[in-house]
Amino acid sequence: MSAPPVSTQTTAAETVTFAPARRRGRVRRGGVWVPLSIVLGYVLVALVAPVLIGYDHVATPVGDRLLPPGASTSDGTTAWLGTDGLGRDIAAQIVYGARTSLIVATVAVTLSALVGMIVGAVAGLIGGWLDVVLSRLIDVLLTFPGVLLAIVIAGLFSRGLLTVVIALSVTAWTPFARVARNVTLSIKEREWVSAARLMGIRRPAMLVRHILPFVVPPMVAMATVEFALVVLAEAGLSFLGIGLPASVPSWGQTVANGKEYLDTAWWISASPGIALFVLVVSVGLLGDQMSARLGRTGRSTGS
């Protein structure tokens, strides 16, 4: 007697069950691609800034001062976002300011991530008194407000790109170190690390081959969040006048230059403020999506 045929048709209940899952998948993908596209747009603008628009911080065409967005300048060009109190194009300042913010944030976050990852991984792997000392140092630095310490350091030295990077990196490495230490403490108890220890593999080789590959993914997810914080902190230092010099375009400087004209020329401060807001929110959303995806991957790996 032959077996009954197996139905390959999808029932209505199955369709109702799978439809929300498909919608959630599309929403998750959209939640990643939208902020990622915005961030890549900022990067593209920063890379091709000299080709897109020219900017001279020394030039002060006072005849074009305080022009509204879309007005024509004396040389026949259009100031799409208006001009400031010295007649300088706001759009050019935003484009070159994006370049400055991305460079500062990339260098500061990369330096902080490398230092934090090495310090945390070494402390977790070696343990003992070294772990105790480094852990207490991390705890002490985490108690200080990072922005306040950056303001103190930036105020003690001359204004410059290196000073801003150092000021923003002094405390930014501590969250990376704490996460790297926690991951290392968990990984070094796994079977493959114990087997490598029994085989007589030296600690540096064990760290590079068996531990750091598991430390890097959390570092990347945290770097996106720290990137947004560093961009915001750099703009804050420049707004206070202790960050980058006047010769280097910065969103914070542009916002500060427009605070005297908020009633009559609001676009001077509003335009770079909106650009800063969009970048920080996009990077933050991208970091949240990466952290959530990393958490799902870690749970599936652990199970």
C-alpha atoms as a PDB file:
ATOM      1  CA  MET A   1       0.000   0.000   0.000  1.00  0.00           C
ATOM      2  CA  SER A   2       1.562   3.281  -1.119  1.00  0.00           C
ATOM      3  CA  ALA A   3       2.098   6.161   1.283  1.00  0.00           C
ATOM      4  CA  PRO A   4      -0.188   9.195   0.977  1.00  0.00           C
ATOM      5  CA  PRO A   5       1.238  12.063  -1.048  1.00  0.00           C
ATOM      6  CA  VAL A   6       3.027  14.801   0.889  1.00  0.00           C
ATOM      7  CA  SER A   7       1.492  18.223   0.365  1.00  0.00           C
ATOM      8  CA  THR A   8       3.965  20.916  -0.657  1.00  0.00           C
ATOM      9  CA  GLN A   9       1.483  23.780  -0.418  1.00  0.00           C
ATOM     10  CA  THR A  10       1.929  26.361   2.313  1.00  0.00           C
ATOM     11  CA  THR A  11      -1.065  26.712   4.584  1.00  0.00           C
ATOM     12  CA  ALA A  12      -2.589  30.044   5.534  1.00  0.00           C
ATOM     13  CA  ALA A  13      -1.385  29.652   9.131  1.00  0.00           C
ATOM     14  CA  GLU A  14       2.206  29.117   7.964  1.00  0.00           C
ATOM     15  CA  THR A  15       1.950  32.168   5.721  1.00  0.00           C
ATOM     16  CA  VAL A  16       0.727  34.281   8.633  1.00  0.00           C
ATOM     17  CA  THR A  17       3.571  32.937  10.787  1.00  0.00           C
ATOM     18  CA  PHE A  18       6.350  33.558   8.247  1.00  0.00           C
ATOM     19  CA  ALA A  19       5.139  37.005   7.110  1.00  0.00           C
ATOM     20  CA  PRO A  20       6.048  38.863  10.340  1.00  0.00           C
ATOM     21  CA  ALA A  21       9.459  37.150  10.347  1.00  0.00           C
ATOM     22  CA  ARG A  22      10.116  38.357   6.810  1.00  0.00           C
ATOM     23  CA  ARG A  23       9.006  41.864   7.732  1.00  0.00           C
ATOM     24  CA  ARG A  24      11.278  41.866  10.779  1.00  0.00           C
ATOM     25  CA  GLY A  25      14.172  40.762   8.573  1.00  0.00           C
ATOM     26  CA  ARG A  26      13.523  43.617   6.155  1.00  0.00           C
ATOM     27  CA  VAL A  27      13.296  46.100   9.020  1.00  0.00           C
ATOM     28  CA  ARG A  28      16.608  44.858  10.487  1.00  0.00           C
ATOM     29  CA  ARG A  29      18.307  45.134   7.113  1.00  0.00           C
ATOM     30  CA  GLY A  30      16.899  48.614   6.632  1.00  0.00           C
ATOM     31  CA  GLY A  31      18.060  49.554  10.118  1.00  0.00           C
ATOM     32  CA  VAL A  32      21.601  48.744   9.055  1.00  0.00           C
ATOM     33  CA  TRP A  33      21.693  50.041   5.505  1.00  0.00           C
ATOM     34  CA  VAL A  34      20.105  53.439   6.132  1.00  0.00           C
ATOM     35  CA  PRO A  35      22.657  54.691   8.700  1.00  0.00           C
ATOM     36  CA  LEU A  36      25.467  52.918   6.851  1.00  0.00           C
ATOM     37  CA  SER A  37      24.547  54.733   3.628  1.00  0.00           C
ATOM     38  CA  ILE A  38      24.496  58.068   5.444  1.00  0.00           C
ATOM     39  CA  VAL A  39      27.900  57.459   7.036  1.00  0.00           C
ATOM     40  CA  LEU A  40      29.381  56.354   3.699  1.00  0.00           C
ATOM     41  CA  GLY A  41      27.961  59.527   2.163  1.00  0.00           C
ATOM     42  CA  TYR A  42      29.831  61.612   4.738  1.00  0.00           C
ATOM     43  CA  VAL A  43      33.021  59.652   4.042  1.00  0.00           C
ATOM     44  CA  LEU A  44      32.650  60.158   0.296  1.00  0.00           C
ATOM     45  CA  VAL A  45      32.096  63.892   0.729  1.00  0.00           C
ATOM     46  CA  ALA A  46      35.144  64.130   2.999  1.00  0.00           C
ATOM     47  CA  LEU A  47      37.344  62.268   0.497  1.00  0.00           C
ATOM     48  CA  VAL A  48      36.400  64.381  -2.517  1.00  0.00           C
ATOM     49  CA  ALA A  49      36.051  67.696  -0.628  1.00  0.00           C
ATOM     50  CA  PRO A  50      38.720  69.603  -2.610  1.00  0.00           C
ATOM     51  CA  VAL A  51      37.102  68.517  -5.871  1.00  0.00           C
ATOM     52  CA  LEU A  52      33.579  69.448  -4.818  1.00  0.00           C
ATOM     53  CA  ILE A  53      34.168  72.926  -3.476  1.00  0.00           C
ATOM     54  CA  GLY A  54      36.996  75.304  -2.692  1.00  0.00           C
ATOM     55  CA  TYR A  55      37.611  76.874   0.693  1.00  0.00           C
ATOM     56  CA  ASP A  56      40.069  79.488   1.916  1.00  0.00           C
ATOM     57  CA  HIS A  57      39.892  80.325   5.593  1.00  0.00           C
ATOM     58  CA  VAL A  58      41.945  83.486   5.062  1.00  0.00           C
ATOM     59  CA  ALA A  59      39.678  84.981   2.393  1.00  0.00           C
ATOM     60  CA  THR A  60      37.069  87.328   3.896  1.00  0.00           C
ATOM     61  CA  PRO A  61      34.750  88.739   1.191  1.00  0.00           C
ATOM     62  CA  VAL A  62      32.889  91.070   3.522  1.00  0.00           C
ATOM     63  CA  GLY A  63      30.618  92.132   0.670  1.00  0.00           C
ATOM     64  CA  ASP A  64      29.075  88.664   0.816  1.00  0.00           C
ATOM     65  CA  ARG A  65      28.637  88.537   4.591  1.00  0.00           C
ATOM     66  CA  LEU A  66      25.446  87.107   6.089  1.00  0.00           C
ATOM     67  CA  LEU A  67      23.934  86.063   2.781  1.00  0.00           C
ATOM     68  CA  PRO A  68      20.889  83.767   3.215  1.00  0.00           C
ATOM     69  CA  PRO A  69      20.836  80.229   1.783  1.00  0.00           C
ATOM     70  CA  GLY A  70      20.564  80.175  -2.005  1.00  0.00           C
ATOM     71  CA  ALA A  71      21.819  83.743  -2.486  1.00  0.00           C
ATOM     72  CA  SER A  72      24.324  84.679  -5.187  1.00  0.00           C
ATOM     73  CA  THR A  73      27.762  85.887  -4.166  1.00  0.00           C
ATOM     74  CA  SER A  74      29.826  88.660  -5.702  1.00  0.00           C
ATOM     75  CA  ASP A  75      31.795  86.206  -7.871  1.00  0.00           C
ATOM     76  CA  GLY A  76      28.618  84.741  -9.404  1.00  0.00           C
ATOM     77  CA  THR A  77      28.501  81.491  -7.427  1.00  0.00           C
ATOM     78  CA  THR A  78      25.572  80.366  -5.303  1.00  0.00           C
ATOM     79  CA  ALA A  79      25.870  80.120  -1.539  1.00  0.00           C
ATOM     80  CA  TRP A  80      23.518  77.160  -1.087  1.00  0.00           C
ATOM     81  CA  LEU A  81      23.717  77.301   2.709  1.00  0.00           C
ATOM     82  CA  GLY A  82      24.454  81.015   3.024  1.00  0.00           C
ATOM     83  CA  THR A  83      27.564  82.766   4.307  1.00  0.00           C
ATOM     84  CA  ASP A  84      28.867  83.682   7.742  1.00  0.00           C
ATOM     85  CA  GLY A  85      29.805  87.016   9.287  1.00  0.00           C
ATOM     86  CA  LEU A  86      33.013  87.181   7.229  1.00  0.00           C
ATOM     87  CA  GLY A  87      31.421  86.211   3.920  1.00  0.00           C
ATOM     88  CA  ARG A  88      32.718  82.641   3.914  1.00  0.00           C
ATOM     89  CA  ASP A  89      30.592  79.917   2.384  1.00  0.00           C
ATOM     90  CA  ILE A  90      28.837  77.755   5.001  1.00  0.00           C
ATOM     91  CA  ALA A  91      28.561  74.775   2.631  1.00  0.00           C
ATOM     92  CA  ALA A  92      32.336  74.767   2.136  1.00  0.00           C
ATOM     93  CA  GLN A  93      32.882  74.901   5.892  1.00  0.00           C
ATOM     94  CA  ILE A  94      30.545  71.939   6.402  1.00  0.00           C
ATOM     95  CA  VAL A  95      32.237  69.865   3.700  1.00  0.00           C
ATOM     96  CA  TYR A  96      35.754  70.545   4.975  1.00  0.00           C
ATOM     97  CA  GLY A  97      34.546  70.266   8.579  1.00  0.00           C
ATOM     98  CA  ALA A  98      33.269  66.768   7.835  1.00  0.00           C
ATOM     99  CA  ARG A  99      36.728  65.887   6.611  1.00  0.00           C
ATOM    100  CA  THR A 100      38.284  67.197   9.820  1.00  0.00           C
ATOM    101  CA  SER A 101      35.806  65.422  12.090  1.00  0.00           C
ATOM    102  CA  LEU A 102      36.232  62.072  10.337  1.00  0.00           C
ATOM    103  CA  ILE A 103      40.025  62.291  10.416  1.00  0.00           C
ATOM    104  CA  VAL A 104      40.159  63.205  14.108  1.00  0.00           C
ATOM    105  CA  ALA A 105      37.609  60.557  15.089  1.00  0.00           C
ATOM    106  CA  THR A 106      39.242  57.826  12.998  1.00  0.00           C
ATOM    107  CA  VAL A 107      42.719  58.457  14.404  1.00  0.00           C
ATOM    108  CA  ALA A 108      41.542  58.856  18.007  1.00  0.00           C
ATOM    109  CA  VAL A 109      39.265  55.795  17.986  1.00  0.00           C
ATOM    110  CA  THR A 110      41.842  53.611  16.225  1.00  0.00           C
ATOM    111  CA  LEU A 111      44.534  54.600  18.717  1.00  0.00           C
ATOM    112  CA  SER A 112      42.191  54.097  21.673  1.00  0.00           C
ATOM    113  CA  ALA A 113      40.979  50.720  20.401  1.00  0.00           C
ATOM    114  CA  LEU A 114      44.509  49.412  19.851  1.00  0.00           C
ATOM    115  CA  VAL A 115      45.763  50.559  23.254  1.00  0.00           C
ATOM    116  CA  GLY A 116      42.650  49.354  25.061  1.00  0.00           C
ATOM    117  CA  MET A 117      42.600  45.986  23.309  1.00  0.00           C
ATOM    118  CA  ILE A 118      46.258  45.285  24.077  1.00  0.00           C
ATOM    119  CA  VAL A 119      46.077  46.438  27.698  1.00  0.00           C
ATOM    120  CA  GLY A 120      42.845  44.576  28.420  1.00  0.00           C
ATOM    121  CA  ALA A 121      43.897  41.360  26.687  1.00  0.00           C
ATOM    122  CA  VAL A 122      47.290  41.296  28.394  1.00  0.00           C
ATOM    123  CA  ALA A 123      45.727  41.964  31.805  1.00  0.00           C
ATOM    124  CA  GLY A 124      43.144  39.220  31.339  1.00  0.00           C
ATOM    125  CA  LEU A 125      45.617  36.661  30.019  1.00  0.00           C
ATOM    126  CA  ILE A 126      48.452  37.164  32.502  1.00  0.00           C
ATOM    127  CA  GLY A 127      46.311  37.902  35.552  1.00  0.00           C
ATOM    128  CA  GLY A 128      47.905  38.251  38.985  1.00  0.00           C
ATOM    129  CA  TRP A 129      49.205  41.585  40.218  1.00  0.00           C
ATOM    130  CA  LEU A 130      49.367  43.001  36.678  1.00  0.00           C
ATOM    131  CA  ASP A 131      45.659  42.414  36.214  1.00  0.00           C
ATOM    132  CA  VAL A 132      44.920  44.049  39.568  1.00  0.00           C
ATOM    133  CA  VAL A 133      47.014  47.149  38.797  1.00  0.00           C
ATOM    134  CA  LEU A 134      45.651  47.635  35.287  1.00  0.00           C
ATOM    135  CA  SER A 135      42.068  47.026  36.429  1.00  0.00           C
ATOM    136  CA  ARG A 136      42.375  49.647  39.173  1.00  0.00           C
ATOM    137  CA  LEU A 137      43.902  52.100  36.683  1.00  0.00           C
ATOM    138  CA  ILE A 138      40.993  51.537  34.308  1.00  0.00           C
ATOM    139  CA  ASP A 139      38.483  52.018  37.127  1.00  0.00           C
ATOM    140  CA  VAL A 140      40.148  55.262  38.224  1.00  0.00           C
ATOM    141  CA  LEU A 141      40.174  56.708  34.702  1.00  0.00           C
ATOM    142  CA  LEU A 142      36.549  55.701  34.153  1.00  0.00           C
ATOM    143  CA  THR A 143      35.523  57.757  37.179  1.00  0.00           C
ATOM    144  CA  PHE A 144      36.739  60.957  35.475  1.00  0.00           C
ATOM    145  CA  PRO A 145      34.394  62.578  32.941  1.00  0.00           C
ATOM    146  CA  GLY A 146      36.165  62.062  29.626  1.00  0.00           C
ATOM    147  CA  VAL A 147      35.126  65.397  28.154  1.00  0.00           C
ATOM    148  CA  LEU A 148      36.249  67.310  31.250  1.00  0.00           C
ATOM    149  CA  LEU A 149      39.676  65.668  31.173  1.00  0.00           C
ATOM    150  CA  ALA A 150      39.931  66.373  27.436  1.00  0.00           C
ATOM    151  CA  ILE A 151      39.158  70.045  28.104  1.00  0.00           C
ATOM    152  CA  VAL A 152      41.922  70.200  30.718  1.00  0.00           C
ATOM    153  CA  ILE A 153      44.494  68.566  28.437  1.00  0.00           C
ATOM    154  CA  ALA A 154      43.518  70.660  25.403  1.00  0.00           C
ATOM    155  CA  GLY A 155      43.733  73.823  27.496  1.00  0.00           C
ATOM    156  CA  LEU A 156      47.235  73.040  28.754  1.00  0.00           C
ATOM    157  CA  PHE A 157      48.810  72.709  25.296  1.00  0.00           C
ATOM    158  CA  SER A 158      48.751  74.707  22.098  1.00  0.00           C
ATOM    159  CA  ARG A 159      45.826  74.194  19.758  1.00  0.00           C
ATOM    160  CA  GLY A 160      46.459  71.598  17.067  1.00  0.00           C
ATOM    161  CA  LEU A 161      45.327  68.349  15.529  1.00  0.00           C
ATOM    162  CA  LEU A 162      47.751  66.238  17.593  1.00  0.00           C
ATOM    163  CA  THR A 163      46.669  67.901  20.830  1.00  0.00           C
ATOM    164  CA  VAL A 164      42.994  67.184  20.117  1.00  0.00           C
ATOM    165  CA  VAL A 165      43.698  63.540  19.235  1.00  0.00           C
ATOM    166  CA  ILE A 166      45.720  63.010  22.426  1.00  0.00           C
ATOM    167  CA  ALA A 167      43.128  64.788  24.570  1.00  0.00           C
ATOM    168  CA  LEU A 168      40.315  62.636  23.194  1.00  0.00           C
ATOM    169  CA  SER A 169      42.317  59.395  23.442  1.00  0.00           C
ATOM    170  CA  VAL A 170      43.486  59.738  27.058  1.00  0.00           C
ATOM    171  CA  THR A 171      40.326  58.219  28.519  1.00  0.00           C
ATOM    172  CA  ALA A 172      38.701  56.772  25.392  1.00  0.00           C
ATOM    173  CA  TRP A 173      40.834  53.599  25.581  1.00  0.00           C
ATOM    174  CA  THR A 174      39.456  52.525  28.973  1.00  0.00           C
ATOM    175  CA  PRO A 175      36.092  51.113  27.737  1.00  0.00           C
ATOM    176  CA  PHE A 176      37.967  49.086  25.120  1.00  0.00           C
ATOM    177  CA  ALA A 177      40.343  47.765  27.777  1.00  0.00           C
ATOM    178  CA  ARG A 178      37.501  46.695  30.074  1.00  0.00           C
ATOM    179  CA  VAL A 179      35.675  44.814  27.306  1.00  0.00           C
ATOM    180  CA  ALA A 180      38.897  43.192  26.057  1.00  0.00           C
ATOM    181  CA  ARG A 181      39.764  42.047  29.580  1.00  0.00           C
ATOM    182  CA  ASN A 182      36.325  40.519  30.148  1.00  0.00           C
ATOM    183  CA  VAL A 183      36.394  38.688  26.809  1.00  0.00           C
ATOM    184  CA  THR A 184      39.931  37.418  27.485  1.00  0.00           C
ATOM    185  CA  LEU A 185      38.974  36.117  30.922  1.00  0.00           C
ATOM    186  CA  SER A 186      36.174  34.134  29.308  1.00  0.00           C
ATOM    187  CA  ILE A 187      38.163  32.852  26.320  1.00  0.00           C
ATOM    188  CA  LYS A 188      41.282  31.752  28.200  1.00  0.00           C
ATOM    189  CA  GLU A 189      39.273  29.082  30.028  1.00  0.00           C
ATOM    190  CA  ARG A 190      38.139  27.426  26.786  1.00  0.00           C
ATOM    191  CA  GLU A 191      39.421  24.026  25.739  1.00  0.00           C
ATOM    192  CA  TRP A 192      41.550  25.156  22.818  1.00  0.00           C
ATOM    193  CA  VAL A 193      43.372  27.742  24.939  1.00  0.00           C
ATOM    194  CA  SER A 194      44.017  25.164  27.657  1.00  0.00           C
ATOM    195  CA  ALA A 195      45.305  22.745  25.005  1.00  0.00           C
ATOM    196  CA  ALA A 196      47.619  25.434  23.620  1.00  0.00           C
ATOM    197  CA  ARG A 197      48.885  26.106  27.143  1.00  0.00           C
ATOM    198  CA  LEU A 198      49.606  22.401  27.679  1.00  0.00           C
ATOM    199  CA  MET A 199      51.466  22.270  24.353  1.00  0.00           C
ATOM    200  CA  GLY A 200      53.856  24.911  25.642  1.00  0.00           C
ATOM    201  CA  ILE A 201      52.801  27.722  23.290  1.00  0.00           C
ATOM    202  CA  ARG A 202      54.147  31.044  24.485  1.00  0.00           C
ATOM    203  CA  ARG A 203      51.756  33.680  25.752  1.00  0.00           C
ATOM    204  CA  PRO A 204      52.306  36.185  22.900  1.00  0.00           C
ATOM    205  CA  ALA A 205      51.523  33.521  20.298  1.00  0.00           C
ATOM    206  CA  MET A 206      48.556  32.308  22.347  1.00  0.00           C
ATOM    207  CA  LEU A 207      47.271  35.876  22.588  1.00  0.00           C
ATOM    208  CA  VAL A 208      47.536  36.524  18.862  1.00  0.00           C
ATOM    209  CA  ARG A 209      46.271  33.155  17.602  1.00  0.00           C
ATOM    210  CA  HIS A 210      43.652  32.065  20.108  1.00  0.00           C
ATOM    211  CA  ILE A 211      42.362  35.131  21.973  1.00  0.00           C
ATOM    212  CA  LEU A 212      42.547  38.299  19.856  1.00  0.00           C
ATOM    213  CA  PRO A 213      40.324  36.877  17.068  1.00  0.00           C
ATOM    214  CA  PHE A 214      37.520  36.748  19.645  1.00  0.00           C
ATOM    215  CA  VAL A 215      38.351  40.176  21.094  1.00  0.00           C
ATOM    216  CA  VAL A 216      38.309  42.088  17.800  1.00  0.00           C
ATOM    217  CA  PRO A 217      34.547  41.830  16.979  1.00  0.00           C
ATOM    218  CA  PRO A 218      33.410  43.503  20.245  1.00  0.00           C
ATOM    219  CA  MET A 219      36.083  46.146  19.665  1.00  0.00           C
ATOM    220  CA  VAL A 220      34.657  46.958  16.232  1.00  0.00           C
ATOM    221  CA  ALA A 221      31.123  47.274  17.601  1.00  0.00           C
ATOM    222  CA  MET A 222      32.301  49.524  20.430  1.00  0.00           C
ATOM    223  CA  ALA A 223      34.416  51.603  18.048  1.00  0.00           C
ATOM    224  CA  THR A 224      31.315  52.759  16.176  1.00  0.00           C
ATOM    225  CA  VAL A 225      29.752  54.066  19.383  1.00  0.00           C
ATOM    226  CA  GLU A 226      32.989  55.726  20.505  1.00  0.00           C
ATOM    227  CA  PHE A 227      33.371  57.234  17.030  1.00  0.00           C
ATOM    228  CA  ALA A 228      30.153  59.218  17.472  1.00  0.00           C
ATOM    229  CA  LEU A 229      31.221  60.375  20.944  1.00  0.00           C
ATOM    230  CA  VAL A 230      34.626  61.519  19.669  1.00  0.00           C
ATOM    231  CA  VAL A 231      33.050  63.487  16.792  1.00  0.00           C
ATOM    232  CA  LEU A 232      30.788  65.227  19.298  1.00  0.00           C
ATOM    233  CA  ALA A 233      33.661  65.874  21.718  1.00  0.00           C
ATOM    234  CA  GLU A 234      35.868  67.346  18.982  1.00  0.00           C
ATOM    235  CA  ALA A 235      33.093  69.720  17.965  1.00  0.00           C
ATOM    236  CA  GLY A 236      32.654  70.694  21.605  1.00  0.00           C
ATOM    237  CA  LEU A 237      36.347  71.488  22.062  1.00  0.00           C
ATOM    238  CA  SER A 238      36.390  73.589  18.906  1.00  0.00           C
ATOM    239  CA  PHE A 239      33.212  75.367  19.991  1.00  0.00           C
ATOM    240  CA  LEU A 240      34.907  76.336  23.256  1.00  0.00           C
ATOM    241  CA  GLY A 241      37.936  77.641  21.362  1.00  0.00           C
ATOM    242  CA  ILE A 242      40.440  75.133  22.791  1.00  0.00           C
ATOM    243  CA  GLY A 243      40.301  72.536  20.040  1.00  0.00           C
ATOM    244  CA  LEU A 244      41.550  72.921  16.501  1.00  0.00           C
ATOM    245  CA  PRO A 245      43.164  76.181  15.333  1.00  0.00           C
ATOM    246  CA  ALA A 246      41.217  78.659  13.237  1.00  0.00           C
ATOM    247  CA  SER A 247      43.087  77.536  10.104  1.00  0.00           C
ATOM    248  CA  VAL A 248      41.468  74.074  10.324  1.00  0.00           C
ATOM    249  CA  PRO A 249      37.741  73.993   9.443  1.00  0.00           C
ATOM    250  CA  SER A 250      35.592  72.490  12.176  1.00  0.00           C
ATOM    251  CA  TRP A 251      31.868  72.205  12.731  1.00  0.00           C
ATOM    252  CA  GLY A 252      32.295  73.412  16.296  1.00  0.00           C
ATOM    253  CA  GLN A 253      34.036  76.580  15.159  1.00  0.00           C
ATOM    254  CA  THR A 254      31.330  77.293  12.588  1.00  0.00           C
ATOM    255  CA  VAL A 255      28.606  76.868  15.213  1.00  0.00           C
ATOM    256  CA  ALA A 256      30.515  79.183  17.563  1.00  0.00           C
ATOM    257  CA  ASN A 257      30.935  81.798  14.817  1.00  0.00           C
ATOM    258  CA  GLY A 258      27.185  81.942  14.333  1.00  0.00           C
ATOM    259  CA  LYS A 259      26.113  82.294  17.957  1.00  0.00           C
ATOM    260  CA  GLU A 260      26.213  86.086  17.634  1.00  0.00           C
ATOM    261  CA  TYR A 261      23.827  86.010  14.663  1.00  0.00           C
ATOM    262  CA  LEU A 262      21.195  83.545  15.846  1.00  0.00           C
ATOM    263  CA  ASP A 263      18.411  86.124  15.418  1.00  0.00           C
ATOM    264  CA  THR A 264      19.422  87.410  11.982  1.00  0.00           C
ATOM    265  CA  ALA A 265      21.511  84.616  10.393  1.00  0.00           C
ATOM    266  CA  TRP A 266      20.390  81.365  12.002  1.00  0.00           C
ATOM    267  CA  TRP A 267      21.804  79.248   9.159  1.00  0.00           C
ATOM    268  CA  ILE A 268      25.406  79.827  10.289  1.00  0.00           C
ATOM    269  CA  SER A 269      24.970  77.666  13.398  1.00  0.00           C
ATOM    270  CA  ALA A 270      22.009  75.563  12.253  1.00  0.00           C
ATOM    271  CA  SER A 271      23.629  74.055   9.140  1.00  0.00           C
ATOM    272  CA  PRO A 272      26.742  72.539  10.797  1.00  0.00           C
ATOM    273  CA  GLY A 273      24.618  71.607  13.814  1.00  0.00           C
ATOM    274  CA  ILE A 274      22.282  69.575  11.608  1.00  0.00           C
ATOM    275  CA  ALA A 275      25.236  67.948   9.836  1.00  0.00           C
ATOM    276  CA  LEU A 276      26.752  67.014  13.207  1.00  0.00           C
ATOM    277  CA  PHE A 277      23.429  65.688  14.487  1.00  0.00           C
ATOM    278  CA  VAL A 278      22.818  63.481  11.442  1.00  0.00           C
ATOM    279  CA  LEU A 279      26.334  61.998  11.538  1.00  0.00           C
ATOM    280  CA  VAL A 280      26.297  61.279  15.283  1.00  0.00           C
ATOM    281  CA  VAL A 281      22.823  59.692  15.186  1.00  0.00           C
ATOM    282  CA  SER A 282      23.676  57.601  12.112  1.00  0.00           C
ATOM    283  CA  VAL A 283      26.894  56.290  13.619  1.00  0.00           C
ATOM    284  CA  GLY A 284      25.096  55.582  16.888  1.00  0.00           C
ATOM    285  CA  LEU A 285      22.343  53.621  15.133  1.00  0.00           C
ATOM    286  CA  LEU A 286      24.937  51.693  13.161  1.00  0.00           C
ATOM    287  CA  GLY A 287      26.765  50.832  16.363  1.00  0.00           C
ATOM    288  CA  ASP A 288      23.549  49.634  18.011  1.00  0.00           C
ATOM    289  CA  GLN A 289      22.788  47.389  15.045  1.00  0.00           C
ATOM    290  CA  MET A 290      26.299  45.936  15.085  1.00  0.00           C
ATOM    291  CA  SER A 291      26.126  45.325  18.840  1.00  0.00           C
ATOM    292  CA  ALA A 292      22.749  43.604  18.496  1.00  0.00           C
ATOM    293  CA  ARG A 293      23.970  41.434  15.643  1.00  0.00           C
ATOM    294  CA  LEU A 294      27.126  40.569  17.587  1.00  0.00           C
ATOM    295  CA  GLY A 295      24.980  39.633  20.591  1.00  0.00           C
ATOM    296  CA  ARG A 296      22.838  37.305  18.479  1.00  0.00           C
ATOM    297  CA  THR A 297      25.961  35.723  16.994  1.00  0.00           C
ATOM    298  CA  GLY A 298      27.478  35.257  20.445  1.00  0.00           C
ATOM    299  CA  ARG A 299      24.332  33.591  21.786  1.00  0.00           C
ATOM    300  CA  SER A 300      24.137  31.229  18.820  1.00  0.00           C
ATOM    301  CA  THR A 301      27.829  30.377  19.177  1.00  0.00           C
ATOM    302  CA  GLY A 302      27.499  29.788  22.901  1.00  0.00           C
ATOM    303  CA  SER A 303      24.522  27.494  22.423  1.00  0.00           C
END
